[in-house]
Protein backbone atom coordinates (compact mmCIF):
# COMPACT_ATOMS: atom_id res chain seq x y z
CA MET A 1 13.44 -3.59 -13.20
CA PHE A 2 12.87 -6.83 -11.44
CA ASP A 3 15.19 -6.98 -8.49
CA GLN A 4 13.12 -8.04 -5.42
CA SER A 5 16.04 -8.81 -3.15
CA THR A 6 16.74 -4.99 -2.11
CA PRO A 7 13.94 -4.02 0.12
CA PRO A 8 12.59 -0.78 -1.12
CA SER A 9 12.50 2.56 0.49
CA GLY A 10 9.57 4.67 1.14
CA ARG A 11 5.77 4.10 0.77
CA VAL A 12 2.94 4.47 -1.80
CA ALA A 13 -0.13 5.72 -0.42
CA THR A 14 -3.71 7.42 -1.57
CA LEU A 15 -6.03 9.95 -0.63
CA GLY A 16 -9.02 7.72 -1.85
CA MET A 17 -11.51 6.65 0.38
CA LEU A 18 -12.61 3.12 0.83
CA ILE A 19 -15.96 2.33 -0.43
CA ILE A 20 -18.53 -0.17 -0.47
CA ASP A 21 -19.55 -0.21 -4.32
CA HIS A 22 -23.18 -1.06 -5.04
CA PHE A 23 -24.76 -1.67 -8.32
CA ALA A 24 -27.78 -1.25 -10.43
CA VAL A 25 -28.72 -1.65 -14.06
CA HIS A 26 -32.22 -1.07 -16.30
CA ASP A 27 -34.54 -3.50 -16.74
CA ALA A 28 -36.48 -3.90 -20.12
CA GLY A 29 -38.79 -1.31 -19.11
CA GLY A 30 -36.11 1.11 -18.03
CA ARG A 31 -36.70 0.81 -14.67
CA GLU A 32 -33.24 0.86 -12.31
CA VAL A 33 -32.79 -2.38 -10.47
CA PRO A 34 -30.24 -3.53 -8.11
CA ALA A 35 -27.67 -5.97 -9.54
CA ASP A 36 -25.17 -8.34 -7.92
CA GLU A 37 -23.58 -8.20 -4.54
CA PRO A 38 -21.73 -5.19 -3.26
CA ILE A 39 -17.98 -5.29 -3.58
CA LEU A 40 -14.97 -3.35 -2.00
CA GLY A 41 -14.25 -0.39 -4.15
CA GLY A 42 -13.02 3.31 -4.33
CA GLY A 43 -10.22 4.62 -6.74
CA GLY A 44 -7.88 4.70 -4.09
CA LEU A 45 -8.06 1.01 -2.92
CA TYR A 46 -7.73 0.08 -6.38
CA ALA A 47 -4.30 2.09 -6.78
CA THR A 48 -2.91 0.84 -3.60
CA VAL A 49 -3.70 -2.94 -4.07
CA ALA A 50 -1.87 -2.35 -7.51
CA ALA A 51 1.15 -1.01 -5.68
CA ARG A 52 0.96 -3.79 -3.23
CA GLN A 53 1.32 -6.43 -6.07
CA PHE A 54 5.10 -4.91 -6.66
CA LEU A 55 5.72 -3.82 -2.82
CA PRO A 56 5.90 -5.40 0.64
CA ALA A 57 2.90 -4.48 2.77
CA SER A 58 5.25 -2.18 4.56
CA ASN A 59 5.68 0.31 1.69
CA VAL A 60 1.98 0.61 0.88
CA GLY A 61 -0.35 2.86 2.94
CA PHE A 62 -4.27 2.70 3.00
CA ILE A 63 -6.50 4.33 5.53
CA ALA A 64 -9.89 2.65 5.92
CA ASP A 65 -12.80 4.28 7.57
CA VAL A 66 -15.15 1.84 8.69
CA GLY A 67 -18.25 1.83 10.58
CA PRO A 68 -20.21 -1.05 12.37
CA ASP A 69 -21.77 -1.83 9.07
CA PHE A 70 -18.60 -3.19 7.47
CA PRO A 71 -18.85 -6.74 6.78
CA PRO A 72 -16.39 -9.03 8.42
CA ALA A 73 -15.58 -10.69 5.11
CA PHE A 74 -14.42 -7.42 3.80
CA ARG A 75 -12.36 -6.69 6.65
CA GLN A 76 -10.69 -10.19 6.51
CA GLN A 77 -10.04 -9.61 2.60
CA LEU A 78 -8.43 -6.15 3.46
CA GLU A 79 -6.27 -7.56 6.34
CA GLY A 80 -5.04 -10.15 4.00
CA LEU A 81 -3.27 -7.56 2.35
CA GLY A 82 -0.73 -6.87 5.30
CA GLU A 83 -0.06 -4.21 7.38
CA MET A 84 -0.51 -1.73 4.57
CA VAL A 85 -4.04 -1.12 5.73
CA TYR A 86 -4.81 1.27 8.83
CA PHE A 87 -8.32 0.61 10.37
CA ARG A 88 -10.21 3.78 11.66
CA SER A 89 -13.50 4.07 13.19
CA ARG A 90 -16.39 6.08 12.17
CA ASP A 91 -20.45 5.70 12.50
CA VAL A 92 -21.07 4.30 8.98
CA THR A 93 -18.79 3.10 6.27
CA THR A 94 -18.78 5.07 2.96
CA ARG A 95 -21.22 3.43 0.25
CA ALA A 96 -21.77 4.50 -3.31
CA LEU A 97 -24.22 3.11 -6.05
CA ASN A 98 -22.85 2.62 -9.63
CA ILE A 99 -25.65 2.90 -12.09
CA TYR A 100 -25.50 1.50 -15.74
CA SER A 101 -27.89 2.46 -18.51
CA GLY A 102 -27.69 -1.19 -19.80
CA SER A 103 -29.14 -4.31 -18.58
CA ARG A 104 -25.84 -5.85 -17.10
CA ILE A 105 -22.83 -4.02 -15.15
CA GLY A 106 -20.57 -2.52 -17.50
CA GLU A 107 -23.18 -2.16 -20.08
CA GLY A 108 -24.08 1.23 -21.42
CA ALA A 109 -23.25 4.83 -19.61
CA GLN A 110 -22.41 4.70 -16.13
CA SER A 111 -23.35 7.02 -13.42
CA PHE A 112 -22.31 7.31 -9.60
CA ARG A 113 -23.78 8.51 -6.60
CA TYR A 114 -23.01 8.43 -2.80
CA LEU A 115 -25.40 6.72 -0.42
CA VAL A 116 -23.99 8.17 2.79
CA PRO A 117 -21.87 11.23 3.68
CA ARG A 118 -18.45 10.74 2.66
CA LYS A 119 -15.26 11.00 4.94
CA GLN A 120 -12.48 12.53 2.89
CA ILE A 121 -8.90 11.60 3.83
CA THR A 122 -6.24 14.60 3.66
CA PRO A 123 -2.28 14.48 3.72
CA ARG A 124 -2.52 15.53 7.48
CA ASP A 125 -4.05 11.87 7.99
CA TYR A 126 -0.89 10.33 7.16
CA LEU A 127 1.26 12.27 9.85
CA PRO A 128 2.08 10.61 13.21
CA PRO A 129 0.79 8.64 15.02
CA CYS A 130 -0.81 7.07 11.58
CA PRO A 131 1.02 3.50 11.40
CA VAL A 132 1.23 3.82 7.52
CA GLY A 133 2.73 7.25 7.15
CA GLY A 134 6.34 8.05 5.45
CA VAL A 135 4.89 8.60 2.25
CA SER A 136 7.17 8.89 -0.61
CA TRP A 137 4.41 8.98 -3.35
CA LEU A 138 0.93 10.00 -2.87
CA HIS A 139 -1.78 9.18 -4.97
CA VAL A 140 -4.62 11.85 -5.55
CA VAL A 141 -7.95 11.32 -7.35
CA CYS A 142 -9.96 14.50 -7.15
CA ASP A 143 -11.55 17.27 -8.91
CA THR A 144 -9.70 20.79 -9.41
CA GLN A 145 -11.41 22.36 -6.50
CA ARG A 146 -10.20 19.63 -3.99
CA ALA A 147 -6.75 19.61 -5.60
CA VAL A 148 -6.25 23.08 -4.68
CA SER A 149 -6.93 22.48 -0.84
CA ILE A 150 -4.72 19.14 -1.13
CA LEU A 151 -1.67 20.99 -2.62
CA GLU A 152 -1.79 23.70 -0.03
CA GLU A 153 -1.85 21.48 2.71
CA ALA A 154 0.83 19.17 1.10
CA GLU A 155 3.12 22.21 0.23
CA ALA A 156 2.75 23.37 3.83
CA PHE A 157 4.08 19.84 4.94
CA LYS A 158 6.92 20.22 2.65
CA VAL A 159 8.14 23.44 4.59
CA GLU A 160 8.31 21.31 7.57
CA GLY A 161 10.47 18.77 5.81
CA TRP A 162 8.03 16.29 3.91
CA LYS A 163 9.82 15.25 0.80
CA GLY A 164 7.38 13.16 -0.81
CA LYS A 165 5.71 13.42 -4.45
CA MET A 166 2.10 13.27 -5.57
CA ALA A 167 0.64 12.08 -8.70
CA TRP A 168 -2.75 13.78 -9.82
CA GLU A 169 -5.61 11.43 -11.42
CA PRO A 170 -7.96 13.94 -12.25
CA LEU A 171 -11.95 13.96 -12.30
CA VAL A 172 -12.67 16.07 -15.17
CA ARG A 173 -15.99 18.06 -15.82
CA THR A 174 -17.44 18.76 -19.00
CA ASN A 175 -16.67 22.38 -19.07
CA ALA A 176 -13.08 22.02 -18.34
CA ASP A 177 -10.62 24.98 -18.56
CA VAL A 178 -7.23 23.99 -19.95
CA ALA A 179 -5.42 26.69 -18.17
CA GLU A 180 -6.69 25.65 -14.76
CA TYR A 181 -5.77 22.15 -15.11
CA ALA A 182 -2.31 23.07 -16.27
CA ALA A 183 -1.77 25.39 -13.53
CA LEU A 184 -2.78 22.91 -11.03
CA ALA A 185 -0.82 19.89 -12.55
CA ALA A 186 2.30 21.85 -12.72
CA ARG A 187 2.36 21.71 -8.86
CA PHE A 188 2.33 17.76 -9.06
CA ASP A 189 4.95 15.37 -9.89
CA VAL A 190 3.02 13.42 -12.36
CA PHE A 191 -0.38 14.10 -14.18
CA SER A 192 -2.37 11.07 -15.44
CA PRO A 193 -5.61 11.61 -17.11
CA ASN A 194 -7.28 9.00 -19.38
CA HIS A 195 -7.45 9.84 -23.17
CA LEU A 196 -11.00 11.00 -22.99
CA GLU A 197 -10.38 13.34 -19.96
CA LEU A 198 -7.35 14.50 -21.47
CA GLN A 199 -9.48 15.31 -24.83
CA THR A 200 -11.90 17.33 -22.81
CA ILE A 201 -9.32 19.24 -21.05
CA VAL A 202 -7.60 20.54 -24.29
CA GLY A 203 -10.88 20.87 -25.91
CA ARG A 204 -9.91 18.73 -29.26
CA ASP A 205 -9.47 15.50 -30.59
CA ASP A 206 -6.11 15.60 -32.35
CA GLY A 207 -5.10 11.84 -31.03
CA VAL A 208 -3.49 11.27 -27.73
CA GLU A 209 0.20 12.31 -28.54
CA ALA A 210 -0.59 15.57 -30.12
CA ASN A 211 -3.24 16.35 -27.16
CA ALA A 212 -0.70 15.14 -24.48
CA ALA A 213 1.92 17.67 -26.40
CA ALA A 214 -0.66 20.39 -26.64
CA PHE A 215 -1.12 20.40 -22.70
CA GLN A 216 2.44 19.76 -21.85
CA ALA A 217 3.12 23.13 -23.75
CA ARG A 218 1.36 24.77 -20.97
CA CYS A 219 2.66 22.70 -17.97
CA SER A 220 6.19 20.55 -17.87
CA THR A 221 5.01 17.99 -15.41
CA PRO A 222 5.18 14.31 -16.81
CA ILE A 223 1.95 13.42 -18.37
CA VAL A 224 0.88 9.85 -18.48
CA VAL A 225 -2.25 9.33 -20.51
CA ARG A 226 -4.21 5.91 -19.87
CA ALA A 227 -5.57 5.17 -23.44
CA GLY A 228 -7.58 2.10 -22.36
CA ALA A 229 -7.28 -0.90 -25.00
CA ASP A 230 -4.19 1.22 -26.58
CA GLY A 231 -2.25 1.04 -23.61
CA ALA A 232 -0.58 4.33 -22.13
CA PHE A 233 1.33 7.00 -23.66
CA ALA A 234 3.92 9.02 -21.45
CA LEU A 235 5.64 12.13 -22.24
CA SER A 236 8.27 14.06 -20.32
CA SER A 237 11.60 15.79 -20.53
CA ASP A 238 13.06 12.33 -20.01
CA TRP A 239 11.20 9.84 -22.05
CA LYS A 240 8.25 9.80 -24.43
CA GLY A 241 6.52 6.63 -25.92
CA TRP A 242 3.63 4.12 -25.77
CA VAL A 243 3.63 0.87 -23.58
CA PRO A 244 0.81 -1.65 -24.99
CA ALA A 245 -2.11 -2.89 -22.83
CA PHE A 246 -1.70 -6.62 -21.82
CA TRP A 247 -4.84 -8.01 -23.05
CA ARG A 248 -4.74 -7.72 -26.74
CA VAL A 249 -7.49 -7.81 -29.51
CA GLY A 250 -8.93 -11.16 -29.48
CA GLU A 251 -8.51 -11.54 -25.84
CA GLU A 252 -11.47 -9.61 -24.80
CA SER A 253 -13.16 -12.40 -22.84
CA HIS A 254 -10.30 -12.13 -19.90
CA ILE A 255 -11.73 -8.36 -19.31
CA VAL A 256 -14.40 -9.10 -17.01
CA ASP A 257 -14.84 -5.23 -15.48
CA VAL A 258 -13.05 -2.35 -16.24
CA THR A 259 -13.78 -0.58 -13.06
CA GLY A 260 -10.63 0.40 -11.39
CA GLY A 261 -8.25 -0.23 -14.37
CA GLY A 262 -7.20 3.19 -14.44
CA ASN A 263 -6.55 3.56 -10.79
CA ALA A 264 -4.68 0.41 -10.91
CA PHE A 265 -2.55 1.74 -13.58
CA VAL A 266 -1.72 4.92 -11.56
CA GLY A 267 -1.03 2.60 -8.30
CA GLY A 268 1.28 0.44 -10.56
CA LEU A 269 3.07 3.38 -12.05
CA LEU A 270 3.82 4.76 -8.57
CA ALA A 271 5.00 1.41 -7.43
CA GLY A 272 7.46 1.32 -10.65
CA LEU A 273 8.57 5.01 -9.89
CA LEU A 274 9.41 3.89 -6.30
CA LEU A 275 11.38 0.85 -7.32
CA THR A 276 12.91 2.11 -10.57
CA ARG A 277 12.96 5.93 -10.53
CA ASP A 278 12.39 5.66 -14.40
CA LEU A 279 8.99 6.43 -16.06
CA ARG A 280 9.26 4.02 -18.79
CA ALA A 281 9.71 1.22 -16.44
CA ALA A 282 7.01 2.56 -14.22
CA CYS A 283 4.51 2.70 -17.34
CA ILE A 284 5.03 -1.02 -17.83
CA TYR A 285 4.18 -1.58 -14.17
CA GLY A 286 0.93 0.31 -14.41
CA THR A 287 -0.19 -1.66 -17.50
CA THR A 288 0.82 -4.95 -15.90
CA ALA A 289 -1.18 -3.93 -12.83
CA ALA A 290 -4.36 -2.79 -14.46
CA SER A 291 -4.48 -6.06 -16.57
CA PHE A 292 -4.98 -7.72 -13.11
CA ALA A 293 -7.63 -5.18 -12.17
CA ILE A 294 -9.75 -5.48 -15.17
CA GLU A 295 -9.67 -9.62 -15.36
CA GLY A 296 -12.28 -9.73 -12.37
CA ARG A 297 -15.00 -7.90 -10.65
CA GLY A 298 -13.50 -5.98 -7.70
CA ILE A 299 -10.11 -5.69 -6.42
CA PRO A 300 -7.22 -8.60 -7.32
CA ARG A 301 -7.04 -11.66 -5.07
CA LEU A 302 -4.07 -12.46 -3.19
CA SER A 303 -3.00 -15.97 -2.12
CA THR A 304 0.32 -17.63 -1.69
CA GLU A 305 1.86 -20.71 -2.98
CA GLY A 306 5.07 -22.25 -2.03
CA GLY A 307 5.75 -19.00 -0.25
CA HIS A 308 5.30 -16.88 -3.21
CA GLU A 309 2.39 -14.52 -3.50
CA LEU A 310 0.04 -14.87 -6.60
CA TRP A 311 -2.71 -12.38 -7.92
CA ASN A 312 -5.65 -13.98 -9.35
CA GLY A 313 -3.73 -17.12 -9.36
CA VAL A 314 -0.82 -15.31 -11.42
CA ASP A 315 2.72 -14.42 -10.61
CA VAL A 316 2.77 -10.71 -10.95
CA TRP A 317 6.55 -10.78 -11.85
CA GLU A 318 6.12 -12.97 -14.60
CA ARG A 319 3.47 -11.13 -16.37
CA LEU A 320 5.77 -7.72 -15.82
CA LYS A 321 8.41 -9.82 -17.95
CA GLU A 322 5.88 -10.36 -20.54
CA MET A 323 5.00 -6.87 -20.65
CA VAL A 324 8.77 -5.50 -20.92
CA ARG A 325 9.04 -7.92 -23.72
CA ARG A 326 5.90 -6.68 -25.69
CA THR A 327 6.95 -2.99 -24.95
CA GLU A 328 10.48 -3.79 -26.42
CA LEU A 329 8.58 -5.42 -29.75
CA LEU A 330 6.53 -2.14 -30.04
CA GLU A 331 9.34 -0.09 -29.77
CA GLN A 332 11.29 -1.88 -32.42
CA SER A 333 8.35 -1.89 -34.72
CA SER A 334 7.96 1.72 -34.36
CA SER A 335 11.58 2.56 -34.97
């Protein structure tokens, strides 16, 4: 699980867009007011940065569509991640507003709206001459309607010889049809909703394990349920079980902003699958990655010390080893 001497083969990439995230909260009078400075965001960026924590830049792919309005400081931050980022020019950078019903970021209900037209990324964008192609695992975060078009395009490429796999992180509507989600999930290689999304899909609240089993009765695709502070639960023909969250009860002060935590989990999961081809191990990679995403605002920061990469000033491999230890303890206590 920790062998860093052998270069991995393949690439983890995403169909998620680059987004400049703006924020708003509500004052005492209930009025929407701007809050804090914009940051780099987008589920795809969180996912691929998470994968990059465990993989060389040459094994990660992210397409950044940027306009002349894209701040130089943001470009420098992305360039610091290495050759994983492919910059393309467009008229304007995608921007979105994250609105919280409370008086500060992260407080109350959250809503979201785009401030400029989106430029969506499709599987075709990773074909030559794209310099970050050769994708082995593709992260897909979208609703059912877009999932259909992505699957159709990806399946056409498979006829042409593409051997990559796809993980679906669904955007779930309130009137979800479990049959529709199951039929689509069956065409992906991994399905990863969070626990509330899964509850909405199956239409009941019988607990994470029962809900996952109810969904997989309709669809044999491995399901990995992101359950926040409880960690993650995976169910497949090869393995089922829990992996704990890194930050525990009493350590909430380390959690700054949970935005992107779920995306980061999936990115870490895919890096783990690329490296180990083992779902249990991959889930440990996922929870480790999520811990870095939520301990600050925005994507984790990369630095080097003595020739070694650090993320938020921490050695990611040491935290991964700690997560392995905790997972083993959880399994022993449950046996």
